[in-house]
Amino acid sequence: MLVEDYIRPGAIRAGILIERDGKTYSKDGDLVKRFGFHNLGCHSLATFLMDEQENPAVVQAIMRHAKMDMTLYYSHSSKRAKRAAVENYARRIVPESVRVQMRVQETIQ
């Protein structure tokens, strides 16, 4: 009752979850079957802070984790962050002319 009436609607208002066709999805479009206190307090908080480029040591302290690996376990990389990292890497190693050709080929297919 508390989760359905307050936690889940609050997460939707905050943009953590998206409700579409009677189903709940993450910002990345993945179907969310369960969402409650644990998800909101652990996974969502750590992911949000890491997406905001917060220092991992600060996130670890906020989460009160003794080891960094636990903090990294609770923080999930968004698809947008992964794509940005790959694009950043590509910008550094692939010449611009080749990247333009690749983009043109993608739009043709």
N, C-alpha and C. Protein backbone atom coordinates (compact mmCIF):
# COMPACT_ATOMS: atom_id res chain seq x y z
N MET A 1 0.81 -1.18 0.00
CA MET A 1 0.00 0.00 0.00
C MET A 1 0.86 1.26 0.00
N LEU A 2 1.85 1.31 0.87
CA LEU A 2 2.72 2.48 0.93
C LEU A 2 3.53 2.61 -0.36
N VAL A 3 4.04 1.49 -0.85
CA VAL A 3 4.82 1.52 -2.10
C VAL A 3 3.94 1.92 -3.27
N GLU A 4 2.78 1.28 -3.40
CA GLU A 4 1.89 1.56 -4.54
C GLU A 4 1.30 2.97 -4.48
N ASP A 5 1.02 3.46 -3.29
CA ASP A 5 0.36 4.76 -3.15
C ASP A 5 1.32 5.95 -3.12
N TYR A 6 2.55 5.73 -2.64
CA TYR A 6 3.45 6.86 -2.44
C TYR A 6 4.82 6.70 -3.11
N ILE A 7 5.48 5.58 -2.88
CA ILE A 7 6.86 5.42 -3.36
C ILE A 7 6.92 5.35 -4.89
N ARG A 8 6.13 4.47 -5.49
CA ARG A 8 6.15 4.32 -6.94
C ARG A 8 5.67 5.60 -7.64
N PRO A 9 4.54 6.22 -7.23
CA PRO A 9 4.14 7.49 -7.87
C PRO A 9 5.18 8.60 -7.70
N GLY A 10 5.83 8.63 -6.54
CA GLY A 10 6.89 9.63 -6.32
C GLY A 10 8.08 9.41 -7.24
N ALA A 11 8.43 8.15 -7.46
CA ALA A 11 9.53 7.82 -8.37
C ALA A 11 9.17 8.19 -9.80
N ILE A 12 7.91 8.04 -10.16
CA ILE A 12 7.46 8.42 -11.50
C ILE A 12 7.51 9.94 -11.65
N ARG A 13 7.04 10.67 -10.65
CA ARG A 13 7.09 12.14 -10.69
C ARG A 13 8.53 12.65 -10.76
N ALA A 14 9.44 11.95 -10.08
CA ALA A 14 10.85 12.36 -10.07
C ALA A 14 11.59 11.97 -11.34
N GLY A 15 10.95 11.16 -12.18
CA GLY A 15 11.60 10.73 -13.42
C GLY A 15 12.47 9.51 -13.27
N ILE A 16 12.43 8.86 -12.12
CA ILE A 16 13.20 7.64 -11.91
C ILE A 16 12.55 6.48 -12.66
N LEU A 17 11.23 6.48 -12.67
CA LEU A 17 10.46 5.46 -13.39
C LEU A 17 9.56 6.13 -14.41
N ILE A 18 9.19 5.37 -15.43
CA ILE A 18 8.26 5.84 -16.46
C ILE A 18 7.12 4.84 -16.55
N GLU A 19 5.89 5.34 -16.49
CA GLU A 19 4.73 4.46 -16.59
C GLU A 19 4.12 4.62 -17.98
N ARG A 20 3.94 3.48 -18.67
CA ARG A 20 3.42 3.51 -20.02
C ARG A 20 2.61 2.24 -20.26
N ASP A 21 1.40 2.39 -20.73
CA ASP A 21 0.52 1.25 -21.03
C ASP A 21 0.30 0.35 -19.82
N GLY A 22 0.23 0.96 -18.64
CA GLY A 22 -0.02 0.19 -17.43
C GLY A 22 1.20 -0.56 -16.90
N LYS A 23 2.36 -0.38 -17.52
CA LYS A 23 3.59 -1.03 -17.07
C LYS A 23 4.59 0.03 -16.66
N THR A 24 5.56 -0.37 -15.84
CA THR A 24 6.56 0.56 -15.32
C THR A 24 7.91 0.23 -15.93
N TYR A 25 8.61 1.28 -16.39
CA TYR A 25 9.91 1.11 -17.03
C TYR A 25 10.94 2.02 -16.37
N SER A 26 12.20 1.63 -16.48
CA SER A 26 13.29 2.50 -16.03
C SER A 26 13.50 3.59 -17.07
N LYS A 27 14.37 4.56 -16.76
CA LYS A 27 14.66 5.62 -17.72
C LYS A 27 15.25 5.06 -19.00
N ASP A 28 15.93 3.92 -18.92
CA ASP A 28 16.55 3.30 -20.09
C ASP A 28 15.57 2.45 -20.89
N GLY A 29 14.33 2.33 -20.40
CA GLY A 29 13.33 1.56 -21.13
C GLY A 29 13.21 0.12 -20.72
N ASP A 30 13.92 -0.29 -19.67
CA ASP A 30 13.83 -1.67 -19.18
C ASP A 30 12.60 -1.83 -18.30
N LEU A 31 11.90 -2.94 -18.45
CA LEU A 31 10.71 -3.22 -17.65
C LEU A 31 11.09 -3.39 -16.18
N VAL A 32 10.39 -2.71 -15.28
CA VAL A 32 10.64 -2.80 -13.84
C VAL A 32 9.50 -3.60 -13.23
N LYS A 33 9.81 -4.76 -12.70
CA LYS A 33 8.78 -5.61 -12.11
C LYS A 33 8.53 -5.28 -10.64
N ARG A 34 9.62 -4.97 -9.93
CA ARG A 34 9.49 -4.64 -8.51
C ARG A 34 10.22 -3.34 -8.23
N PHE A 35 9.60 -2.50 -7.41
CA PHE A 35 10.24 -1.24 -7.01
C PHE A 35 9.75 -0.88 -5.63
N GLY A 36 10.67 -0.75 -4.69
CA GLY A 36 10.29 -0.43 -3.32
C GLY A 36 11.38 0.35 -2.61
N PHE A 37 11.39 0.26 -1.30
CA PHE A 37 12.34 1.02 -0.49
C PHE A 37 13.78 0.70 -0.83
N HIS A 38 14.08 -0.60 -1.00
CA HIS A 38 15.46 -1.01 -1.27
C HIS A 38 15.94 -0.40 -2.59
N ASN A 39 15.12 -0.50 -3.63
CA ASN A 39 15.51 0.06 -4.93
C ASN A 39 15.71 1.56 -4.84
N LEU A 40 14.77 2.24 -4.22
CA LEU A 40 14.82 3.69 -4.13
C LEU A 40 16.00 4.14 -3.28
N GLY A 41 16.21 3.51 -2.15
CA GLY A 41 17.24 3.94 -1.22
C GLY A 41 18.65 3.52 -1.57
N CYS A 42 18.78 2.44 -2.29
CA CYS A 42 20.12 1.93 -2.61
C CYS A 42 20.47 2.10 -4.08
N HIS A 43 19.79 1.36 -4.92
CA HIS A 43 20.13 1.36 -6.34
C HIS A 43 19.91 2.72 -6.99
N SER A 44 18.75 3.32 -6.79
CA SER A 44 18.44 4.60 -7.44
C SER A 44 19.35 5.72 -6.95
N LEU A 45 19.58 5.79 -5.66
CA LEU A 45 20.42 6.85 -5.11
C LEU A 45 21.84 6.74 -5.64
N ALA A 46 22.42 5.56 -5.57
CA ALA A 46 23.80 5.39 -6.04
C ALA A 46 23.91 5.67 -7.53
N THR A 47 22.95 5.19 -8.31
CA THR A 47 22.97 5.42 -9.75
C THR A 47 22.83 6.90 -10.06
N PHE A 48 21.90 7.57 -9.39
CA PHE A 48 21.70 9.01 -9.61
C PHE A 48 22.97 9.79 -9.31
N LEU A 49 23.59 9.53 -8.18
CA LEU A 49 24.79 10.26 -7.80
C LEU A 49 25.94 10.02 -8.77
N MET A 50 26.11 8.77 -9.20
CA MET A 50 27.17 8.46 -10.15
C MET A 50 26.89 9.10 -11.51
N ASP A 51 25.62 9.11 -11.94
CA ASP A 51 25.26 9.77 -13.21
C ASP A 51 25.51 11.26 -13.15
N GLU A 52 25.43 11.84 -11.95
CA GLU A 52 25.69 13.27 -11.77
C GLU A 52 27.18 13.55 -11.59
N GLN A 53 28.02 12.56 -11.89
CA GLN A 53 29.48 12.69 -11.83
C GLN A 53 30.00 12.97 -10.42
N GLU A 54 29.28 12.49 -9.43
CA GLU A 54 29.73 12.66 -8.05
C GLU A 54 30.94 11.75 -7.81
N ASN A 55 31.83 12.19 -6.96
CA ASN A 55 33.01 11.41 -6.62
C ASN A 55 32.58 10.07 -6.02
N PRO A 56 33.08 8.94 -6.54
CA PRO A 56 32.69 7.62 -6.00
C PRO A 56 32.96 7.48 -4.50
N ALA A 57 34.00 8.12 -4.01
CA ALA A 57 34.29 8.05 -2.57
C ALA A 57 33.19 8.75 -1.76
N VAL A 58 32.63 9.82 -2.30
CA VAL A 58 31.53 10.52 -1.64
C VAL A 58 30.28 9.64 -1.65
N VAL A 59 30.01 9.00 -2.80
CA VAL A 59 28.86 8.10 -2.89
C VAL A 59 29.03 6.95 -1.89
N GLN A 60 30.23 6.43 -1.79
CA GLN A 60 30.50 5.35 -0.84
C GLN A 60 30.21 5.81 0.58
N ALA A 61 30.61 7.02 0.93
CA ALA A 61 30.37 7.53 2.27
C ALA A 61 28.88 7.75 2.53
N ILE A 62 28.16 8.30 1.53
CA ILE A 62 26.73 8.52 1.69
C ILE A 62 26.00 7.19 1.89
N MET A 63 26.41 6.19 1.11
CA MET A 63 25.76 4.88 1.18
C MET A 63 26.22 4.09 2.41
N ARG A 64 27.25 4.59 3.08
CA ARG A 64 27.81 3.94 4.28
C ARG A 64 28.33 2.54 3.99
N HIS A 65 29.01 2.41 2.86
CA HIS A 65 29.62 1.13 2.48
C HIS A 65 31.06 1.09 2.95
N ALA A 66 31.47 -0.05 3.47
CA ALA A 66 32.85 -0.20 3.91
C ALA A 66 33.80 -0.35 2.71
N LYS A 67 33.30 -0.96 1.63
CA LYS A 67 34.15 -1.22 0.47
C LYS A 67 33.54 -0.60 -0.78
N MET A 68 34.41 -0.12 -1.65
CA MET A 68 33.97 0.52 -2.89
C MET A 68 33.23 -0.46 -3.80
N ASP A 69 33.59 -1.73 -3.78
CA ASP A 69 32.92 -2.68 -4.67
C ASP A 69 31.43 -2.79 -4.38
N MET A 70 31.03 -2.59 -3.15
CA MET A 70 29.61 -2.62 -2.83
C MET A 70 28.91 -1.39 -3.43
N THR A 71 29.56 -0.24 -3.35
CA THR A 71 29.00 0.97 -3.95
C THR A 71 28.86 0.80 -5.46
N LEU A 72 29.85 0.24 -6.10
CA LEU A 72 29.80 0.02 -7.54
C LEU A 72 28.73 -1.01 -7.90
N TYR A 73 28.50 -1.97 -7.02
CA TYR A 73 27.44 -2.96 -7.25
C TYR A 73 26.06 -2.29 -7.28
N TYR A 74 25.85 -1.33 -6.40
CA TYR A 74 24.55 -0.66 -6.31
C TYR A 74 24.37 0.44 -7.34
N SER A 75 25.44 0.93 -7.93
CA SER A 75 25.29 1.96 -8.96
C SER A 75 25.30 1.29 -10.33
N HIS A 76 24.29 1.59 -11.11
CA HIS A 76 24.15 0.97 -12.42
C HIS A 76 24.40 2.03 -13.49
N SER A 77 25.16 1.67 -14.49
CA SER A 77 25.42 2.61 -15.58
C SER A 77 24.20 2.70 -16.47
N SER A 78 23.79 3.92 -16.77
CA SER A 78 22.67 4.09 -17.68
C SER A 78 23.15 3.87 -19.12
N LYS A 79 22.22 3.54 -19.99
CA LYS A 79 22.58 3.35 -21.40
C LYS A 79 23.15 4.64 -21.97
N ARG A 80 22.60 5.78 -21.54
CA ARG A 80 23.08 7.07 -22.02
C ARG A 80 24.54 7.29 -21.61
N ALA A 81 24.89 6.94 -20.36
CA ALA A 81 26.26 7.12 -19.88
C ALA A 81 27.22 6.19 -20.63
N LYS A 82 26.78 4.96 -20.88
CA LYS A 82 27.63 4.02 -21.63
C LYS A 82 27.87 4.52 -23.05
N ARG A 83 26.79 5.00 -23.70
CA ARG A 83 26.91 5.51 -25.06
C ARG A 83 27.84 6.72 -25.10
N ALA A 84 27.72 7.61 -24.12
CA ALA A 84 28.57 8.80 -24.07
C ALA A 84 30.04 8.41 -23.89
N ALA A 85 30.29 7.41 -23.07
CA ALA A 85 31.67 6.96 -22.85
C ALA A 85 32.28 6.39 -24.12
N VAL A 86 31.51 5.59 -24.85
CA VAL A 86 32.00 5.00 -26.09
C VAL A 86 32.22 6.09 -27.14
N GLU A 87 31.29 7.05 -27.23
CA GLU A 87 31.45 8.14 -28.19
C GLU A 87 32.66 9.00 -27.86
N ASN A 88 32.90 9.23 -26.58
CA ASN A 88 34.08 9.99 -26.15
C ASN A 88 35.35 9.27 -26.57
N TYR A 89 35.38 7.96 -26.36
CA TYR A 89 36.53 7.15 -26.76
C TYR A 89 36.72 7.21 -28.28
N ALA A 90 35.62 7.07 -29.01
CA ALA A 90 35.70 7.09 -30.48
C ALA A 90 36.21 8.43 -30.98
N ARG A 91 35.79 9.52 -30.36
CA ARG A 91 36.26 10.85 -30.77
C ARG A 91 37.77 10.96 -30.64
N ARG A 92 38.33 10.28 -29.68
CA ARG A 92 39.76 10.38 -29.44
C ARG A 92 40.60 9.49 -30.34
N ILE A 93 40.04 8.38 -30.81
CA ILE A 93 40.87 7.45 -31.59
C ILE A 93 40.50 7.37 -33.07
N VAL A 94 39.27 7.75 -33.42
CA VAL A 94 38.83 7.65 -34.81
C VAL A 94 38.80 9.05 -35.42
N PRO A 95 39.46 9.24 -36.57
CA PRO A 95 39.43 10.55 -37.21
C PRO A 95 38.00 10.98 -37.55
N GLU A 96 37.75 12.28 -37.53
CA GLU A 96 36.42 12.83 -37.78
C GLU A 96 35.87 12.38 -39.13
N SER A 97 36.71 12.35 -40.16
CA SER A 97 36.22 11.97 -41.49
C SER A 97 35.67 10.55 -41.50
N VAL A 98 36.28 9.66 -40.76
CA VAL A 98 35.79 8.27 -40.69
C VAL A 98 34.48 8.21 -39.92
N ARG A 99 34.37 8.99 -38.83
CA ARG A 99 33.13 9.00 -38.05
C ARG A 99 31.96 9.52 -38.87
N VAL A 100 32.22 10.54 -39.69
CA VAL A 100 31.16 11.08 -40.54
C VAL A 100 30.70 10.02 -41.53
N GLN A 101 31.63 9.30 -42.13
CA GLN A 101 31.29 8.23 -43.07
C GLN A 101 30.46 7.16 -42.38
N MET A 102 30.81 6.82 -41.14
CA MET A 102 30.08 5.79 -40.41
C MET A 102 28.65 6.24 -40.14
N ARG A 103 28.46 7.52 -39.77
CA ARG A 103 27.14 8.04 -39.50
C ARG A 103 26.28 8.04 -40.77
N VAL A 104 26.88 8.38 -41.90
CA VAL A 104 26.16 8.38 -43.17
C VAL A 104 25.71 6.97 -43.51
N GLN A 105 26.58 5.99 -43.34
CA GLN A 105 26.24 4.60 -43.64
C GLN A 105 25.12 4.11 -42.72
N GLU A 106 25.12 4.52 -41.45
CA GLU A 106 24.06 4.11 -40.51
C GLU A 106 22.71 4.66 -40.94
N THR A 107 22.68 5.89 -41.43
CA THR A 107 21.40 6.48 -41.84
C THR A 107 20.88 5.86 -43.12
N ILE A 108 21.78 5.37 -43.98
CA ILE A 108 21.35 4.72 -45.22
C ILE A 108 20.71 3.38 -44.94
N GLN A 109 21.25 2.64 -44.00
CA GLN A 109 20.74 1.29 -43.69
C GLN A 109 19.47 1.39 -43.01
